């Protein structure tokens, strides 16, 4: 349908509405150079820690923040259509628009945006995030029941606690904890929680998964035949473990649930393994922040020593760490129907971006935005506050939120129980705004008994 040249001015507005706000050429080039390109270089499906180390040295996030702040100011907080590397996307800045982004059902704002789908389908093609419609809902139900997503305490909590305690003995037996050791510990926990103790020593499986995730960074365009062959080996290995997995493991729980036709009950195992593996940077950053905030460390150590149920203070520290350094700083959805934002119509297939990492650090929206303040997470109602969203909100909220916080808080508790972190690198100044990125691979924590 095209706008008639003879249509009266008032009728044109009623039929077609206002035009979209578009970024200019200079704004677009700046957006690509400082925001979308660095995300691609860092790795969409699998973080490249060497790149993140470089970003830490040059303070790359400050460039992105300046770009987004300028876009927001120039266009009055209106949604801005920007041409990114993969095509045009609508960037949301206003708090009400962001709230609506979270409130829209997933059949209107779907999670499988093209870039995300191409990246994640390399290693989890039958997972929830690569699905939509009825198939997505069927797969999500199996996933949610396995994760017990509606329960703050997972039914397998005690078995998982035992796994963490056993694996953390190697971690705390040394005076210095570095990131490679923490990563190895978390991958062992990951394999045991998802597939059972029989998978504990299978480092080859983790190496295969890391390779697949690395191919996900290239959206499957690099070595596609080799990638498909490797995926087949991973599937066979996972199926073998799952057939004999103990009842408390996530794989066994998934197999025990009714699975509608077309639903692969083990299709989400790759995502669970990825999620727990990527908890290693979260744990490392949280312990580093506690090392430089002695009062918070004392409170967390007291809670760990007393074995307080649920470890609420440690969970708050982990949530605050994830707010400051989100695993997924950009939330991207794709519209399945025509939508209107601020009266402007956008066709189905429009990519919609919320730069949540930017918003969670915006001093105009969040008090103490660039400080480590775990107490904010103990305030009633904070988990419904759409200004901060380390695990997202609404129908796309991460179903692994509770189990992720359970496992990471248990690991932190094991490190802090009987130990104090007396030296840590990199050095942070708690009295100044925290840096936008941390050199996670360089984190070293000295433990004193």
Protein backbone atom coordinates (compact mmCIF):
# COMPACT_ATOMS: atom_id res chain seq x y z
CA UNK A 1 0.00 0.00 0.00
CA UNK A 2 1.38 3.40 -0.90
CA UNK A 3 0.46 6.84 0.34
CA UNK A 4 -1.79 8.69 -2.12
CA UNK A 5 -0.50 12.09 -3.24
CA UNK A 6 -4.09 13.36 -3.19
CA UNK A 7 -4.89 12.21 0.35
CA UNK A 8 -5.75 15.07 2.72
CA UNK A 9 -3.05 15.85 5.24
CA UNK A 10 -5.12 14.71 8.23
CA UNK A 11 -6.10 11.44 6.56
CA UNK A 12 -2.47 10.70 5.72
CA UNK A 13 -1.54 10.95 9.39
CA UNK A 14 -4.40 8.70 10.49
CA UNK A 15 -3.64 6.03 7.91
CA UNK A 16 0.12 6.05 7.92
CA UNK A 17 1.12 7.65 11.22
CA UNK A 18 4.39 9.47 11.80
CA UNK A 19 7.56 8.34 10.04
CA UNK A 20 10.15 6.31 11.97
CA UNK A 21 13.07 8.05 13.61
CA UNK A 22 16.17 6.99 11.70
CA UNK A 23 19.78 7.39 12.68
CA UNK A 24 21.81 9.52 10.31
CA UNK A 25 24.84 8.22 8.43
CA UNK A 26 27.34 9.51 11.00
CA UNK A 27 25.27 8.06 13.88
CA UNK A 28 24.99 4.73 12.07
CA UNK A 29 28.71 4.47 11.44
CA UNK A 30 29.43 5.35 15.05
CA UNK A 31 26.87 2.79 16.30
CA UNK A 32 28.39 0.01 14.20
CA UNK A 33 31.98 0.92 15.09
CA UNK A 34 31.49 1.31 18.84
CA UNK A 35 28.61 -1.04 19.64
CA UNK A 36 27.65 -3.81 17.20
CA UNK A 37 31.09 -4.58 15.75
CA UNK A 38 32.72 -4.93 19.21
CA UNK A 39 29.93 -7.36 20.22
CA UNK A 40 30.64 -9.49 17.15
CA UNK A 41 34.40 -9.41 17.76
CA UNK A 42 33.92 -10.34 21.43
CA UNK A 43 31.86 -13.38 20.41
CA UNK A 44 28.09 -13.78 20.30
CA UNK A 45 27.81 -17.45 21.31
CA UNK A 46 31.16 -17.93 23.04
CA UNK A 47 33.13 -15.08 24.67
CA UNK A 48 36.67 -14.53 23.49
CA UNK A 49 38.43 -13.69 26.74
CA UNK A 50 41.52 -12.37 24.96
CA UNK A 51 39.34 -9.79 23.21
CA UNK A 52 37.71 -8.87 26.52
CA UNK A 53 41.17 -8.32 27.99
CA UNK A 54 41.92 -5.86 25.19
CA UNK A 55 38.56 -4.13 25.72
CA UNK A 56 39.46 -3.73 29.38
CA UNK A 57 42.75 -2.03 28.52
CA UNK A 58 41.18 0.44 26.08
CA UNK A 59 37.91 0.90 28.04
CA UNK A 60 35.82 -0.07 25.02
CA UNK A 61 32.44 0.03 26.87
CA UNK A 62 32.83 3.77 27.39
CA UNK A 63 32.73 4.23 23.61
CA UNK A 64 29.50 2.27 23.33
CA UNK A 65 27.97 4.13 26.27
CA UNK A 66 28.81 7.51 24.73
CA UNK A 67 27.23 6.46 21.42
CA UNK A 68 24.01 5.22 23.01
CA UNK A 69 23.76 8.24 25.29
CA UNK A 70 24.12 10.56 22.28
CA UNK A 71 21.44 8.67 20.33
CA UNK A 72 19.07 8.82 23.27
CA UNK A 73 19.64 12.54 23.84
CA UNK A 74 19.43 13.62 20.22
CA UNK A 75 16.15 11.79 19.56
CA UNK A 76 14.50 12.46 22.92
CA UNK A 77 14.43 8.83 23.99
CA UNK A 78 12.30 7.79 20.98
CA UNK A 79 12.90 4.38 19.35
CA UNK A 80 15.64 4.82 16.76
CA UNK A 81 15.98 2.74 13.61
CA UNK A 82 19.66 1.98 13.06
CA UNK A 83 21.34 -0.05 10.36
CA UNK A 84 23.58 -2.57 12.09
CA UNK A 85 25.89 -5.21 10.62
CA UNK A 86 23.05 -7.63 9.82
CA UNK A 87 20.42 -5.10 8.78
CA UNK A 88 18.13 -2.54 10.35
CA UNK A 89 17.03 -2.77 13.95
CA UNK A 90 14.89 -0.67 16.25
CA UNK A 91 16.77 0.46 19.38
CA UNK A 92 14.67 1.22 22.47
CA UNK A 93 15.66 3.87 25.01
CA UNK A 94 12.54 4.96 26.90
CA UNK A 95 11.62 3.20 30.14
CA UNK A 96 7.99 2.67 29.05
CA UNK A 97 9.06 1.18 25.71
CA UNK A 98 11.42 -1.18 27.52
CA UNK A 99 8.67 -2.23 29.91
CA UNK A 100 6.44 -3.01 26.96
CA UNK A 101 9.31 -4.98 25.34
CA UNK A 102 9.26 -7.30 28.34
CA UNK A 103 5.46 -7.46 28.57
CA UNK A 104 4.81 -8.44 24.95
CA UNK A 105 4.14 -12.19 24.50
CA UNK A 106 6.79 -14.19 22.66
CA UNK A 107 4.46 -14.79 19.72
CA UNK A 108 4.63 -11.02 19.12
CA UNK A 109 8.26 -10.40 20.11
CA UNK A 110 10.04 -13.68 19.46
CA UNK A 111 13.48 -14.59 20.76
CA UNK A 112 14.81 -16.21 17.59
CA UNK A 113 16.04 -13.06 15.87
CA UNK A 114 18.05 -13.96 12.73
CA UNK A 115 21.54 -13.33 14.13
CA UNK A 116 20.78 -15.12 17.39
CA UNK A 117 19.20 -18.05 15.54
CA UNK A 118 22.15 -18.42 13.15
CA UNK A 119 24.59 -18.35 16.08
CA UNK A 120 22.85 -20.66 18.53
CA UNK A 121 21.41 -23.12 16.01
CA UNK A 122 24.97 -24.30 15.36
CA UNK A 123 25.04 -26.11 18.70
CA UNK A 124 21.43 -26.22 19.94
CA UNK A 125 19.15 -26.38 16.88
CA UNK A 126 16.38 -28.14 18.80
CA UNK A 127 16.61 -25.89 21.84
CA UNK A 128 13.96 -23.47 23.08
CA UNK A 129 15.72 -20.32 21.96
CA UNK A 130 15.83 -21.54 18.34
CA UNK A 131 12.09 -22.28 18.29
CA UNK A 132 8.84 -20.38 18.01
CA UNK A 133 5.12 -21.03 18.01
CA UNK A 134 3.65 -24.24 19.40
CA UNK A 135 6.97 -26.10 19.14
CA UNK A 136 8.63 -23.50 21.34
CA UNK A 137 5.94 -23.82 23.98
CA UNK A 138 6.25 -27.64 24.02
CA UNK A 139 10.03 -27.44 24.31
CA UNK A 140 9.83 -24.72 26.94
CA UNK A 141 7.54 -26.86 29.13
CA UNK A 142 10.01 -29.76 29.10
CA UNK A 143 12.87 -27.36 29.81
CA UNK A 144 11.06 -25.58 32.63
CA UNK A 145 10.10 -28.82 34.38
CA UNK A 146 13.67 -30.12 34.21
CA UNK A 147 15.01 -26.85 35.62
CA UNK A 148 12.11 -26.48 38.09
CA UNK A 149 12.06 -22.88 36.90
CA UNK A 150 9.16 -21.92 39.18
CA UNK A 151 10.93 -23.10 42.34
CA UNK A 152 13.60 -21.00 44.08
CA UNK A 153 15.03 -24.23 45.52
CA UNK A 154 15.56 -26.96 42.94
CA UNK A 155 14.33 -30.48 43.92
CA UNK A 156 17.88 -31.75 43.31
CA UNK A 157 19.40 -29.04 45.51
CA UNK A 158 21.05 -31.42 47.98
CA UNK A 159 22.61 -33.55 45.25
CA UNK A 160 23.87 -30.41 43.52
CA UNK A 161 25.25 -29.11 46.82
CA UNK A 162 27.26 -32.32 47.20
CA UNK A 163 28.65 -31.93 43.68
CA UNK A 164 29.74 -28.34 44.39
CA UNK A 165 31.35 -29.24 47.71
CA UNK A 166 33.34 -32.08 46.16
CA UNK A 167 34.52 -30.08 43.16
CA UNK A 168 35.43 -26.98 45.18
CA UNK A 169 37.85 -28.91 47.40
CA UNK A 170 40.47 -28.70 44.63
CA UNK A 171 39.68 -25.03 44.22
CA UNK A 172 40.16 -24.02 47.83
CA UNK A 173 43.14 -26.31 48.48
CA UNK A 174 45.38 -23.75 46.78
CA UNK A 175 46.35 -20.34 48.16
CA UNK A 176 45.60 -18.65 44.83
CA UNK A 177 42.51 -19.17 42.70
CA UNK A 178 42.90 -18.08 39.09
CA UNK A 179 40.34 -18.04 36.32
CA UNK A 180 41.52 -21.16 34.43
CA UNK A 181 41.16 -23.20 37.62
CA UNK A 182 37.73 -21.74 38.32
CA UNK A 183 36.66 -22.41 34.71
CA UNK A 184 37.76 -26.06 34.97
CA UNK A 185 35.88 -26.42 38.25
CA UNK A 186 32.67 -25.02 36.79
CA UNK A 187 32.84 -27.24 33.70
CA UNK A 188 33.15 -30.34 35.92
CA UNK A 189 30.17 -29.14 37.97
CA UNK A 190 28.32 -28.50 34.72
CA UNK A 191 28.85 -32.03 33.38
CA UNK A 192 27.89 -33.67 36.68
CA UNK A 193 24.75 -31.55 37.19
CA UNK A 194 23.51 -32.03 33.62
CA UNK A 195 24.68 -35.56 32.78
CA UNK A 196 25.71 -37.19 36.05
CA UNK A 197 28.96 -38.22 37.71
CA UNK A 198 29.91 -40.49 34.81
CA UNK A 199 30.57 -37.37 32.72
CA UNK A 200 32.72 -35.66 35.36
CA UNK A 201 36.09 -36.39 33.71
CA UNK A 202 34.96 -35.98 30.10
CA UNK A 203 37.02 -32.93 29.23
CA UNK A 204 36.81 -33.96 25.57
CA UNK A 205 33.05 -33.30 25.57
CA UNK A 206 33.61 -29.80 26.96
CA UNK A 207 36.33 -29.16 24.36
CA UNK A 208 33.93 -30.25 21.61
CA UNK A 209 31.25 -27.93 22.97
CA UNK A 210 33.69 -25.01 23.14
CA UNK A 211 34.58 -25.66 19.48
CA UNK A 212 30.89 -25.70 18.49
CA UNK A 213 30.24 -22.49 20.40
CA UNK A 214 33.21 -20.93 18.66
CA UNK A 215 31.64 -21.86 15.34
CA UNK A 216 28.46 -20.22 16.63
CA UNK A 217 30.41 -16.96 16.77
CA UNK A 218 30.74 -17.29 12.99
CA UNK A 219 27.03 -18.22 12.69
CA UNK A 220 27.96 -21.63 11.26
CA UNK A 221 29.56 -20.15 8.16
CA UNK A 222 33.03 -21.43 9.00
CA UNK A 223 33.68 -25.14 8.32
CA UNK A 224 29.96 -26.08 8.17
CA UNK A 225 30.55 -29.76 7.27
CA UNK A 226 33.07 -30.28 10.05
CA UNK A 227 30.73 -28.50 12.45
CA UNK A 228 27.81 -30.78 11.57
CA UNK A 229 29.99 -33.85 12.04
CA UNK A 230 31.19 -32.61 15.43
CA UNK A 231 27.61 -31.84 16.46
CA UNK A 232 26.71 -35.47 15.66
CA UNK A 233 29.49 -36.74 17.94
CA UNK A 234 28.35 -34.42 20.73
CA UNK A 235 24.74 -35.62 20.36
CA UNK A 236 25.79 -39.27 20.53
CA UNK A 237 27.96 -38.68 23.61
CA UNK A 238 25.20 -36.78 25.42
CA UNK A 239 22.60 -39.46 24.57
CA UNK A 240 24.92 -42.16 25.93
CA UNK A 241 25.36 -40.36 29.23
CA UNK A 242 21.68 -39.44 29.48
CA UNK A 243 20.59 -43.07 29.11
CA UNK A 244 22.27 -43.89 32.44
CA UNK A 245 22.06 -40.50 34.13
CA UNK A 246 20.96 -40.43 37.79
CA UNK A 247 17.43 -39.24 38.49
CA UNK A 248 18.55 -35.92 39.99
CA UNK A 249 20.49 -34.82 36.88
CA UNK A 250 18.91 -32.38 34.45
CA UNK A 251 19.14 -34.84 31.54
CA UNK A 252 17.30 -37.54 33.48
CA UNK A 253 14.66 -35.07 34.63
CA UNK A 254 14.10 -34.02 31.01
CA UNK A 255 13.77 -37.63 29.83
CA UNK A 256 11.28 -38.34 32.62
CA UNK A 257 8.90 -35.64 31.39
CA UNK A 258 6.25 -36.19 28.69
CA UNK A 259 7.68 -34.92 25.40
CA UNK A 260 5.21 -34.01 22.65
CA UNK A 261 6.04 -35.13 19.11
CA UNK A 262 8.78 -32.98 17.62
CA UNK A 263 10.25 -32.17 21.02
CA UNK A 264 13.75 -33.47 21.64
CA UNK A 265 13.91 -33.82 25.45
CA UNK A 266 17.71 -33.59 25.32
CA UNK A 267 17.72 -30.67 22.90
CA UNK A 268 18.32 -28.22 25.73
CA UNK A 269 21.30 -30.00 27.29
CA UNK A 270 23.74 -27.94 25.21
CA UNK A 271 22.21 -24.76 26.60
CA UNK A 272 22.34 -26.02 30.18
CA UNK A 273 25.99 -26.97 29.80
CA UNK A 274 26.72 -23.58 28.21
CA UNK A 275 24.87 -21.71 30.95
CA UNK A 276 26.70 -23.40 33.81
CA UNK A 277 30.07 -23.10 32.06
CA UNK A 278 29.47 -19.36 31.60
CA UNK A 279 28.79 -19.08 35.31
CA UNK A 280 32.57 -19.25 35.82
CA UNK A 281 33.11 -15.60 34.77
CA UNK A 282 30.17 -14.55 36.97
CA UNK A 283 31.67 -16.30 40.01
CA UNK A 284 35.13 -14.87 39.27
CA UNK A 285 33.84 -11.32 38.93
CA UNK A 286 31.65 -11.60 42.03
CA UNK A 287 34.53 -12.83 44.19
CA UNK A 288 36.77 -10.08 42.78
CA UNK A 289 34.15 -7.46 43.71
CA UNK A 290 33.82 -8.93 47.21
CA UNK A 291 37.60 -8.84 47.61
CA UNK A 292 37.52 -5.07 47.05
CA UNK A 293 34.43 -4.47 49.21
CA UNK A 294 35.46 -5.81 52.66
CA UNK A 295 32.15 -5.09 54.41
CA UNK A 296 30.23 -7.03 51.76
CA UNK A 297 32.76 -9.85 51.94
CA UNK A 298 32.36 -10.04 55.73
CA UNK A 299 28.57 -10.29 55.42
CA UNK A 300 28.85 -12.98 52.73
CA UNK A 301 31.41 -14.96 54.75
CA UNK A 302 29.18 -14.83 57.83
CA UNK A 303 26.25 -16.14 55.79
CA UNK A 304 28.37 -18.91 54.25
CA UNK A 305 29.76 -19.98 57.62
CA UNK A 306 26.26 -20.13 59.13
CA UNK A 307 24.98 -22.08 56.09
CA UNK A 308 21.97 -19.77 55.87
CA UNK A 309 19.22 -21.35 53.79
CA UNK A 310 19.13 -19.99 50.25
CA UNK A 311 22.19 -17.76 50.83
CA UNK A 312 20.17 -14.58 50.08
CA UNK A 313 23.07 -12.17 50.56
CA UNK A 314 25.38 -14.11 48.26
CA UNK A 315 22.62 -14.39 45.67
CA UNK A 316 22.23 -10.60 45.87
CA UNK A 317 25.98 -10.20 45.28
CA UNK A 318 25.78 -12.45 42.22
CA UNK A 319 22.77 -10.58 40.83
CA UNK A 320 24.55 -7.26 41.33
CA UNK A 321 27.67 -8.59 39.65
CA UNK A 322 25.54 -9.71 36.69
CA UNK A 323 23.85 -6.32 36.53
CA UNK A 324 27.23 -4.61 36.31
CA UNK A 325 28.70 -7.19 33.92
CA UNK A 326 25.82 -8.92 32.12
CA UNK A 327 26.42 -12.14 30.25
CA UNK A 328 24.03 -10.88 27.55
CA UNK A 329 24.30 -7.06 27.41
CA UNK A 330 22.00 -6.71 24.38
CA UNK A 331 18.50 -8.21 24.30
CA UNK A 332 17.24 -8.78 20.75
CA UNK A 333 13.77 -9.86 19.65
CA UNK A 334 12.06 -10.05 16.25
CA UNK A 335 8.43 -9.04 15.66
CA UNK A 336 6.08 -11.73 14.36
CA UNK A 337 3.30 -9.26 13.55
CA UNK A 338 3.10 -5.58 12.65
CA UNK A 339 3.73 -3.49 15.76
CA UNK A 340 3.54 0.17 16.68
CA UNK A 341 6.06 1.99 18.80
CA UNK A 342 5.24 5.59 19.70
CA UNK A 343 2.55 5.51 16.97
CA UNK A 344 5.00 4.42 14.26
CA UNK A 345 4.16 1.22 12.43
CA UNK A 346 6.85 -1.40 11.89
CA UNK A 347 6.35 -4.55 9.80
CA UNK A 348 6.64 -8.11 11.00
CA UNK A 349 10.26 -9.24 10.94
CA UNK A 350 11.60 -6.05 12.57
CA UNK A 351 14.54 -6.67 14.91
CA UNK A 352 14.09 -4.84 18.22
CA UNK A 353 17.10 -4.19 20.45
CA UNK A 354 17.27 -3.19 24.11
CA UNK A 355 20.89 -2.41 25.09
CA UNK A 356 20.27 -3.62 28.64
CA UNK A 357 23.90 -3.36 29.68
CA UNK A 358 23.73 0.35 28.92
CA UNK A 359 20.40 0.91 30.69
CA UNK A 360 21.43 -0.97 33.85
CA UNK A 361 24.41 1.38 34.16
CA UNK A 362 22.51 4.59 33.36
CA UNK A 363 22.81 6.94 36.38
CA UNK A 364 19.67 8.76 35.21
CA UNK A 365 17.66 5.58 35.70
CA UNK A 366 19.45 3.51 38.36
CA UNK A 367 20.75 4.80 41.69
CA UNK A 368 24.43 4.00 42.18
CA UNK A 369 24.44 2.58 38.68
CA UNK A 370 28.22 2.17 38.50
CA UNK A 371 28.76 0.97 42.05
CA UNK A 372 28.62 -2.49 43.63
CA UNK A 373 25.51 -2.30 45.82
CA UNK A 374 24.12 -5.82 46.45
CA UNK A 375 21.62 -4.50 48.99
CA UNK A 376 19.40 -3.27 46.13
CA UNK A 377 18.51 -6.91 45.41
CA UNK A 378 17.12 -7.42 48.92
CA UNK A 379 14.45 -4.72 48.46
CA UNK A 380 10.92 -6.13 47.91
CA UNK A 381 9.75 -5.88 44.30
CA UNK A 382 13.20 -5.35 42.80
CA UNK A 383 12.95 -8.48 40.66
CA UNK A 384 10.03 -6.93 38.76
CA UNK A 385 11.89 -3.67 38.10
CA UNK A 386 12.39 -3.52 34.33
CA UNK A 387 15.16 -0.94 34.62
CA UNK A 388 17.44 -3.80 35.63
CA UNK A 389 17.20 -7.23 34.07
CA UNK A 390 20.17 -9.58 34.52
CA UNK A 391 17.83 -12.50 33.75
CA UNK A 392 15.32 -10.58 31.59
CA UNK A 393 11.58 -10.34 32.36
CA UNK A 394 8.24 -11.61 31.13
CA UNK A 395 7.75 -14.64 28.90
CA UNK A 396 11.39 -14.60 27.83
CA UNK A 397 12.76 -14.48 31.37
CA UNK A 398 15.61 -16.95 31.78
CA UNK A 399 14.15 -20.21 33.14
CA UNK A 400 17.57 -21.10 34.52
CA UNK A 401 17.67 -18.07 36.83
CA UNK A 402 17.09 -19.99 40.06
CA UNK A 403 19.40 -22.90 39.31
CA UNK A 404 22.14 -20.52 38.11
CA UNK A 405 21.96 -18.51 41.33
CA UNK A 406 21.83 -21.74 43.35
CA UNK A 407 25.00 -23.19 41.84
CA UNK A 408 26.99 -19.94 41.75
CA UNK A 409 26.06 -19.02 45.33
CA UNK A 410 27.08 -22.48 46.51
CA UNK A 411 30.47 -22.13 44.76
CA UNK A 412 31.04 -18.67 46.26
CA UNK A 413 30.05 -19.98 49.68
CA UNK A 414 32.59 -22.81 49.43
CA UNK A 415 35.36 -20.35 48.56
CA UNK A 416 34.44 -17.96 51.39
CA UNK A 417 33.71 -20.58 54.04
CA UNK A 418 36.87 -20.68 56.12
CA UNK A 419 38.75 -18.27 53.84
CA UNK A 420 39.15 -14.57 53.33
CA UNK A 421 40.15 -13.07 50.00
CA UNK A 422 43.05 -10.83 51.02
CA UNK A 423 44.56 -10.05 47.65
CA UNK A 424 42.96 -9.85 44.24
CA UNK A 425 43.85 -8.80 40.73
CA UNK A 426 42.88 -6.72 38.82
CA UNK A 427 42.78 -3.98 41.45
CA UNK A 428 39.52 -2.02 41.74
CA UNK A 429 38.79 1.25 43.54
CA UNK A 430 35.45 0.78 45.36
CA UNK A 431 35.13 4.52 45.86
CA UNK A 432 35.01 5.24 42.12
CA UNK A 433 32.68 4.11 39.33
CA UNK A 434 33.55 0.55 38.40
CA UNK A 435 35.03 -0.09 34.94
CA UNK A 436 32.67 -1.11 32.17
CA UNK A 437 34.48 -4.39 31.56
CA UNK A 438 36.82 -6.56 33.63
CA UNK A 439 39.72 -8.61 32.36
CA UNK A 440 38.12 -11.83 33.57
CA UNK A 441 40.88 -14.11 32.30
CA UNK A 442 43.41 -12.21 34.47
CA UNK A 443 41.45 -12.52 37.73
CA UNK A 444 43.53 -13.96 40.60
CA UNK A 445 42.26 -14.33 44.14
CA UNK A 446 44.53 -14.98 47.13
CA UNK A 447 42.86 -17.00 49.90
CA UNK A 448 43.83 -16.74 53.56
CA UNK A 449 42.57 -19.36 56.00
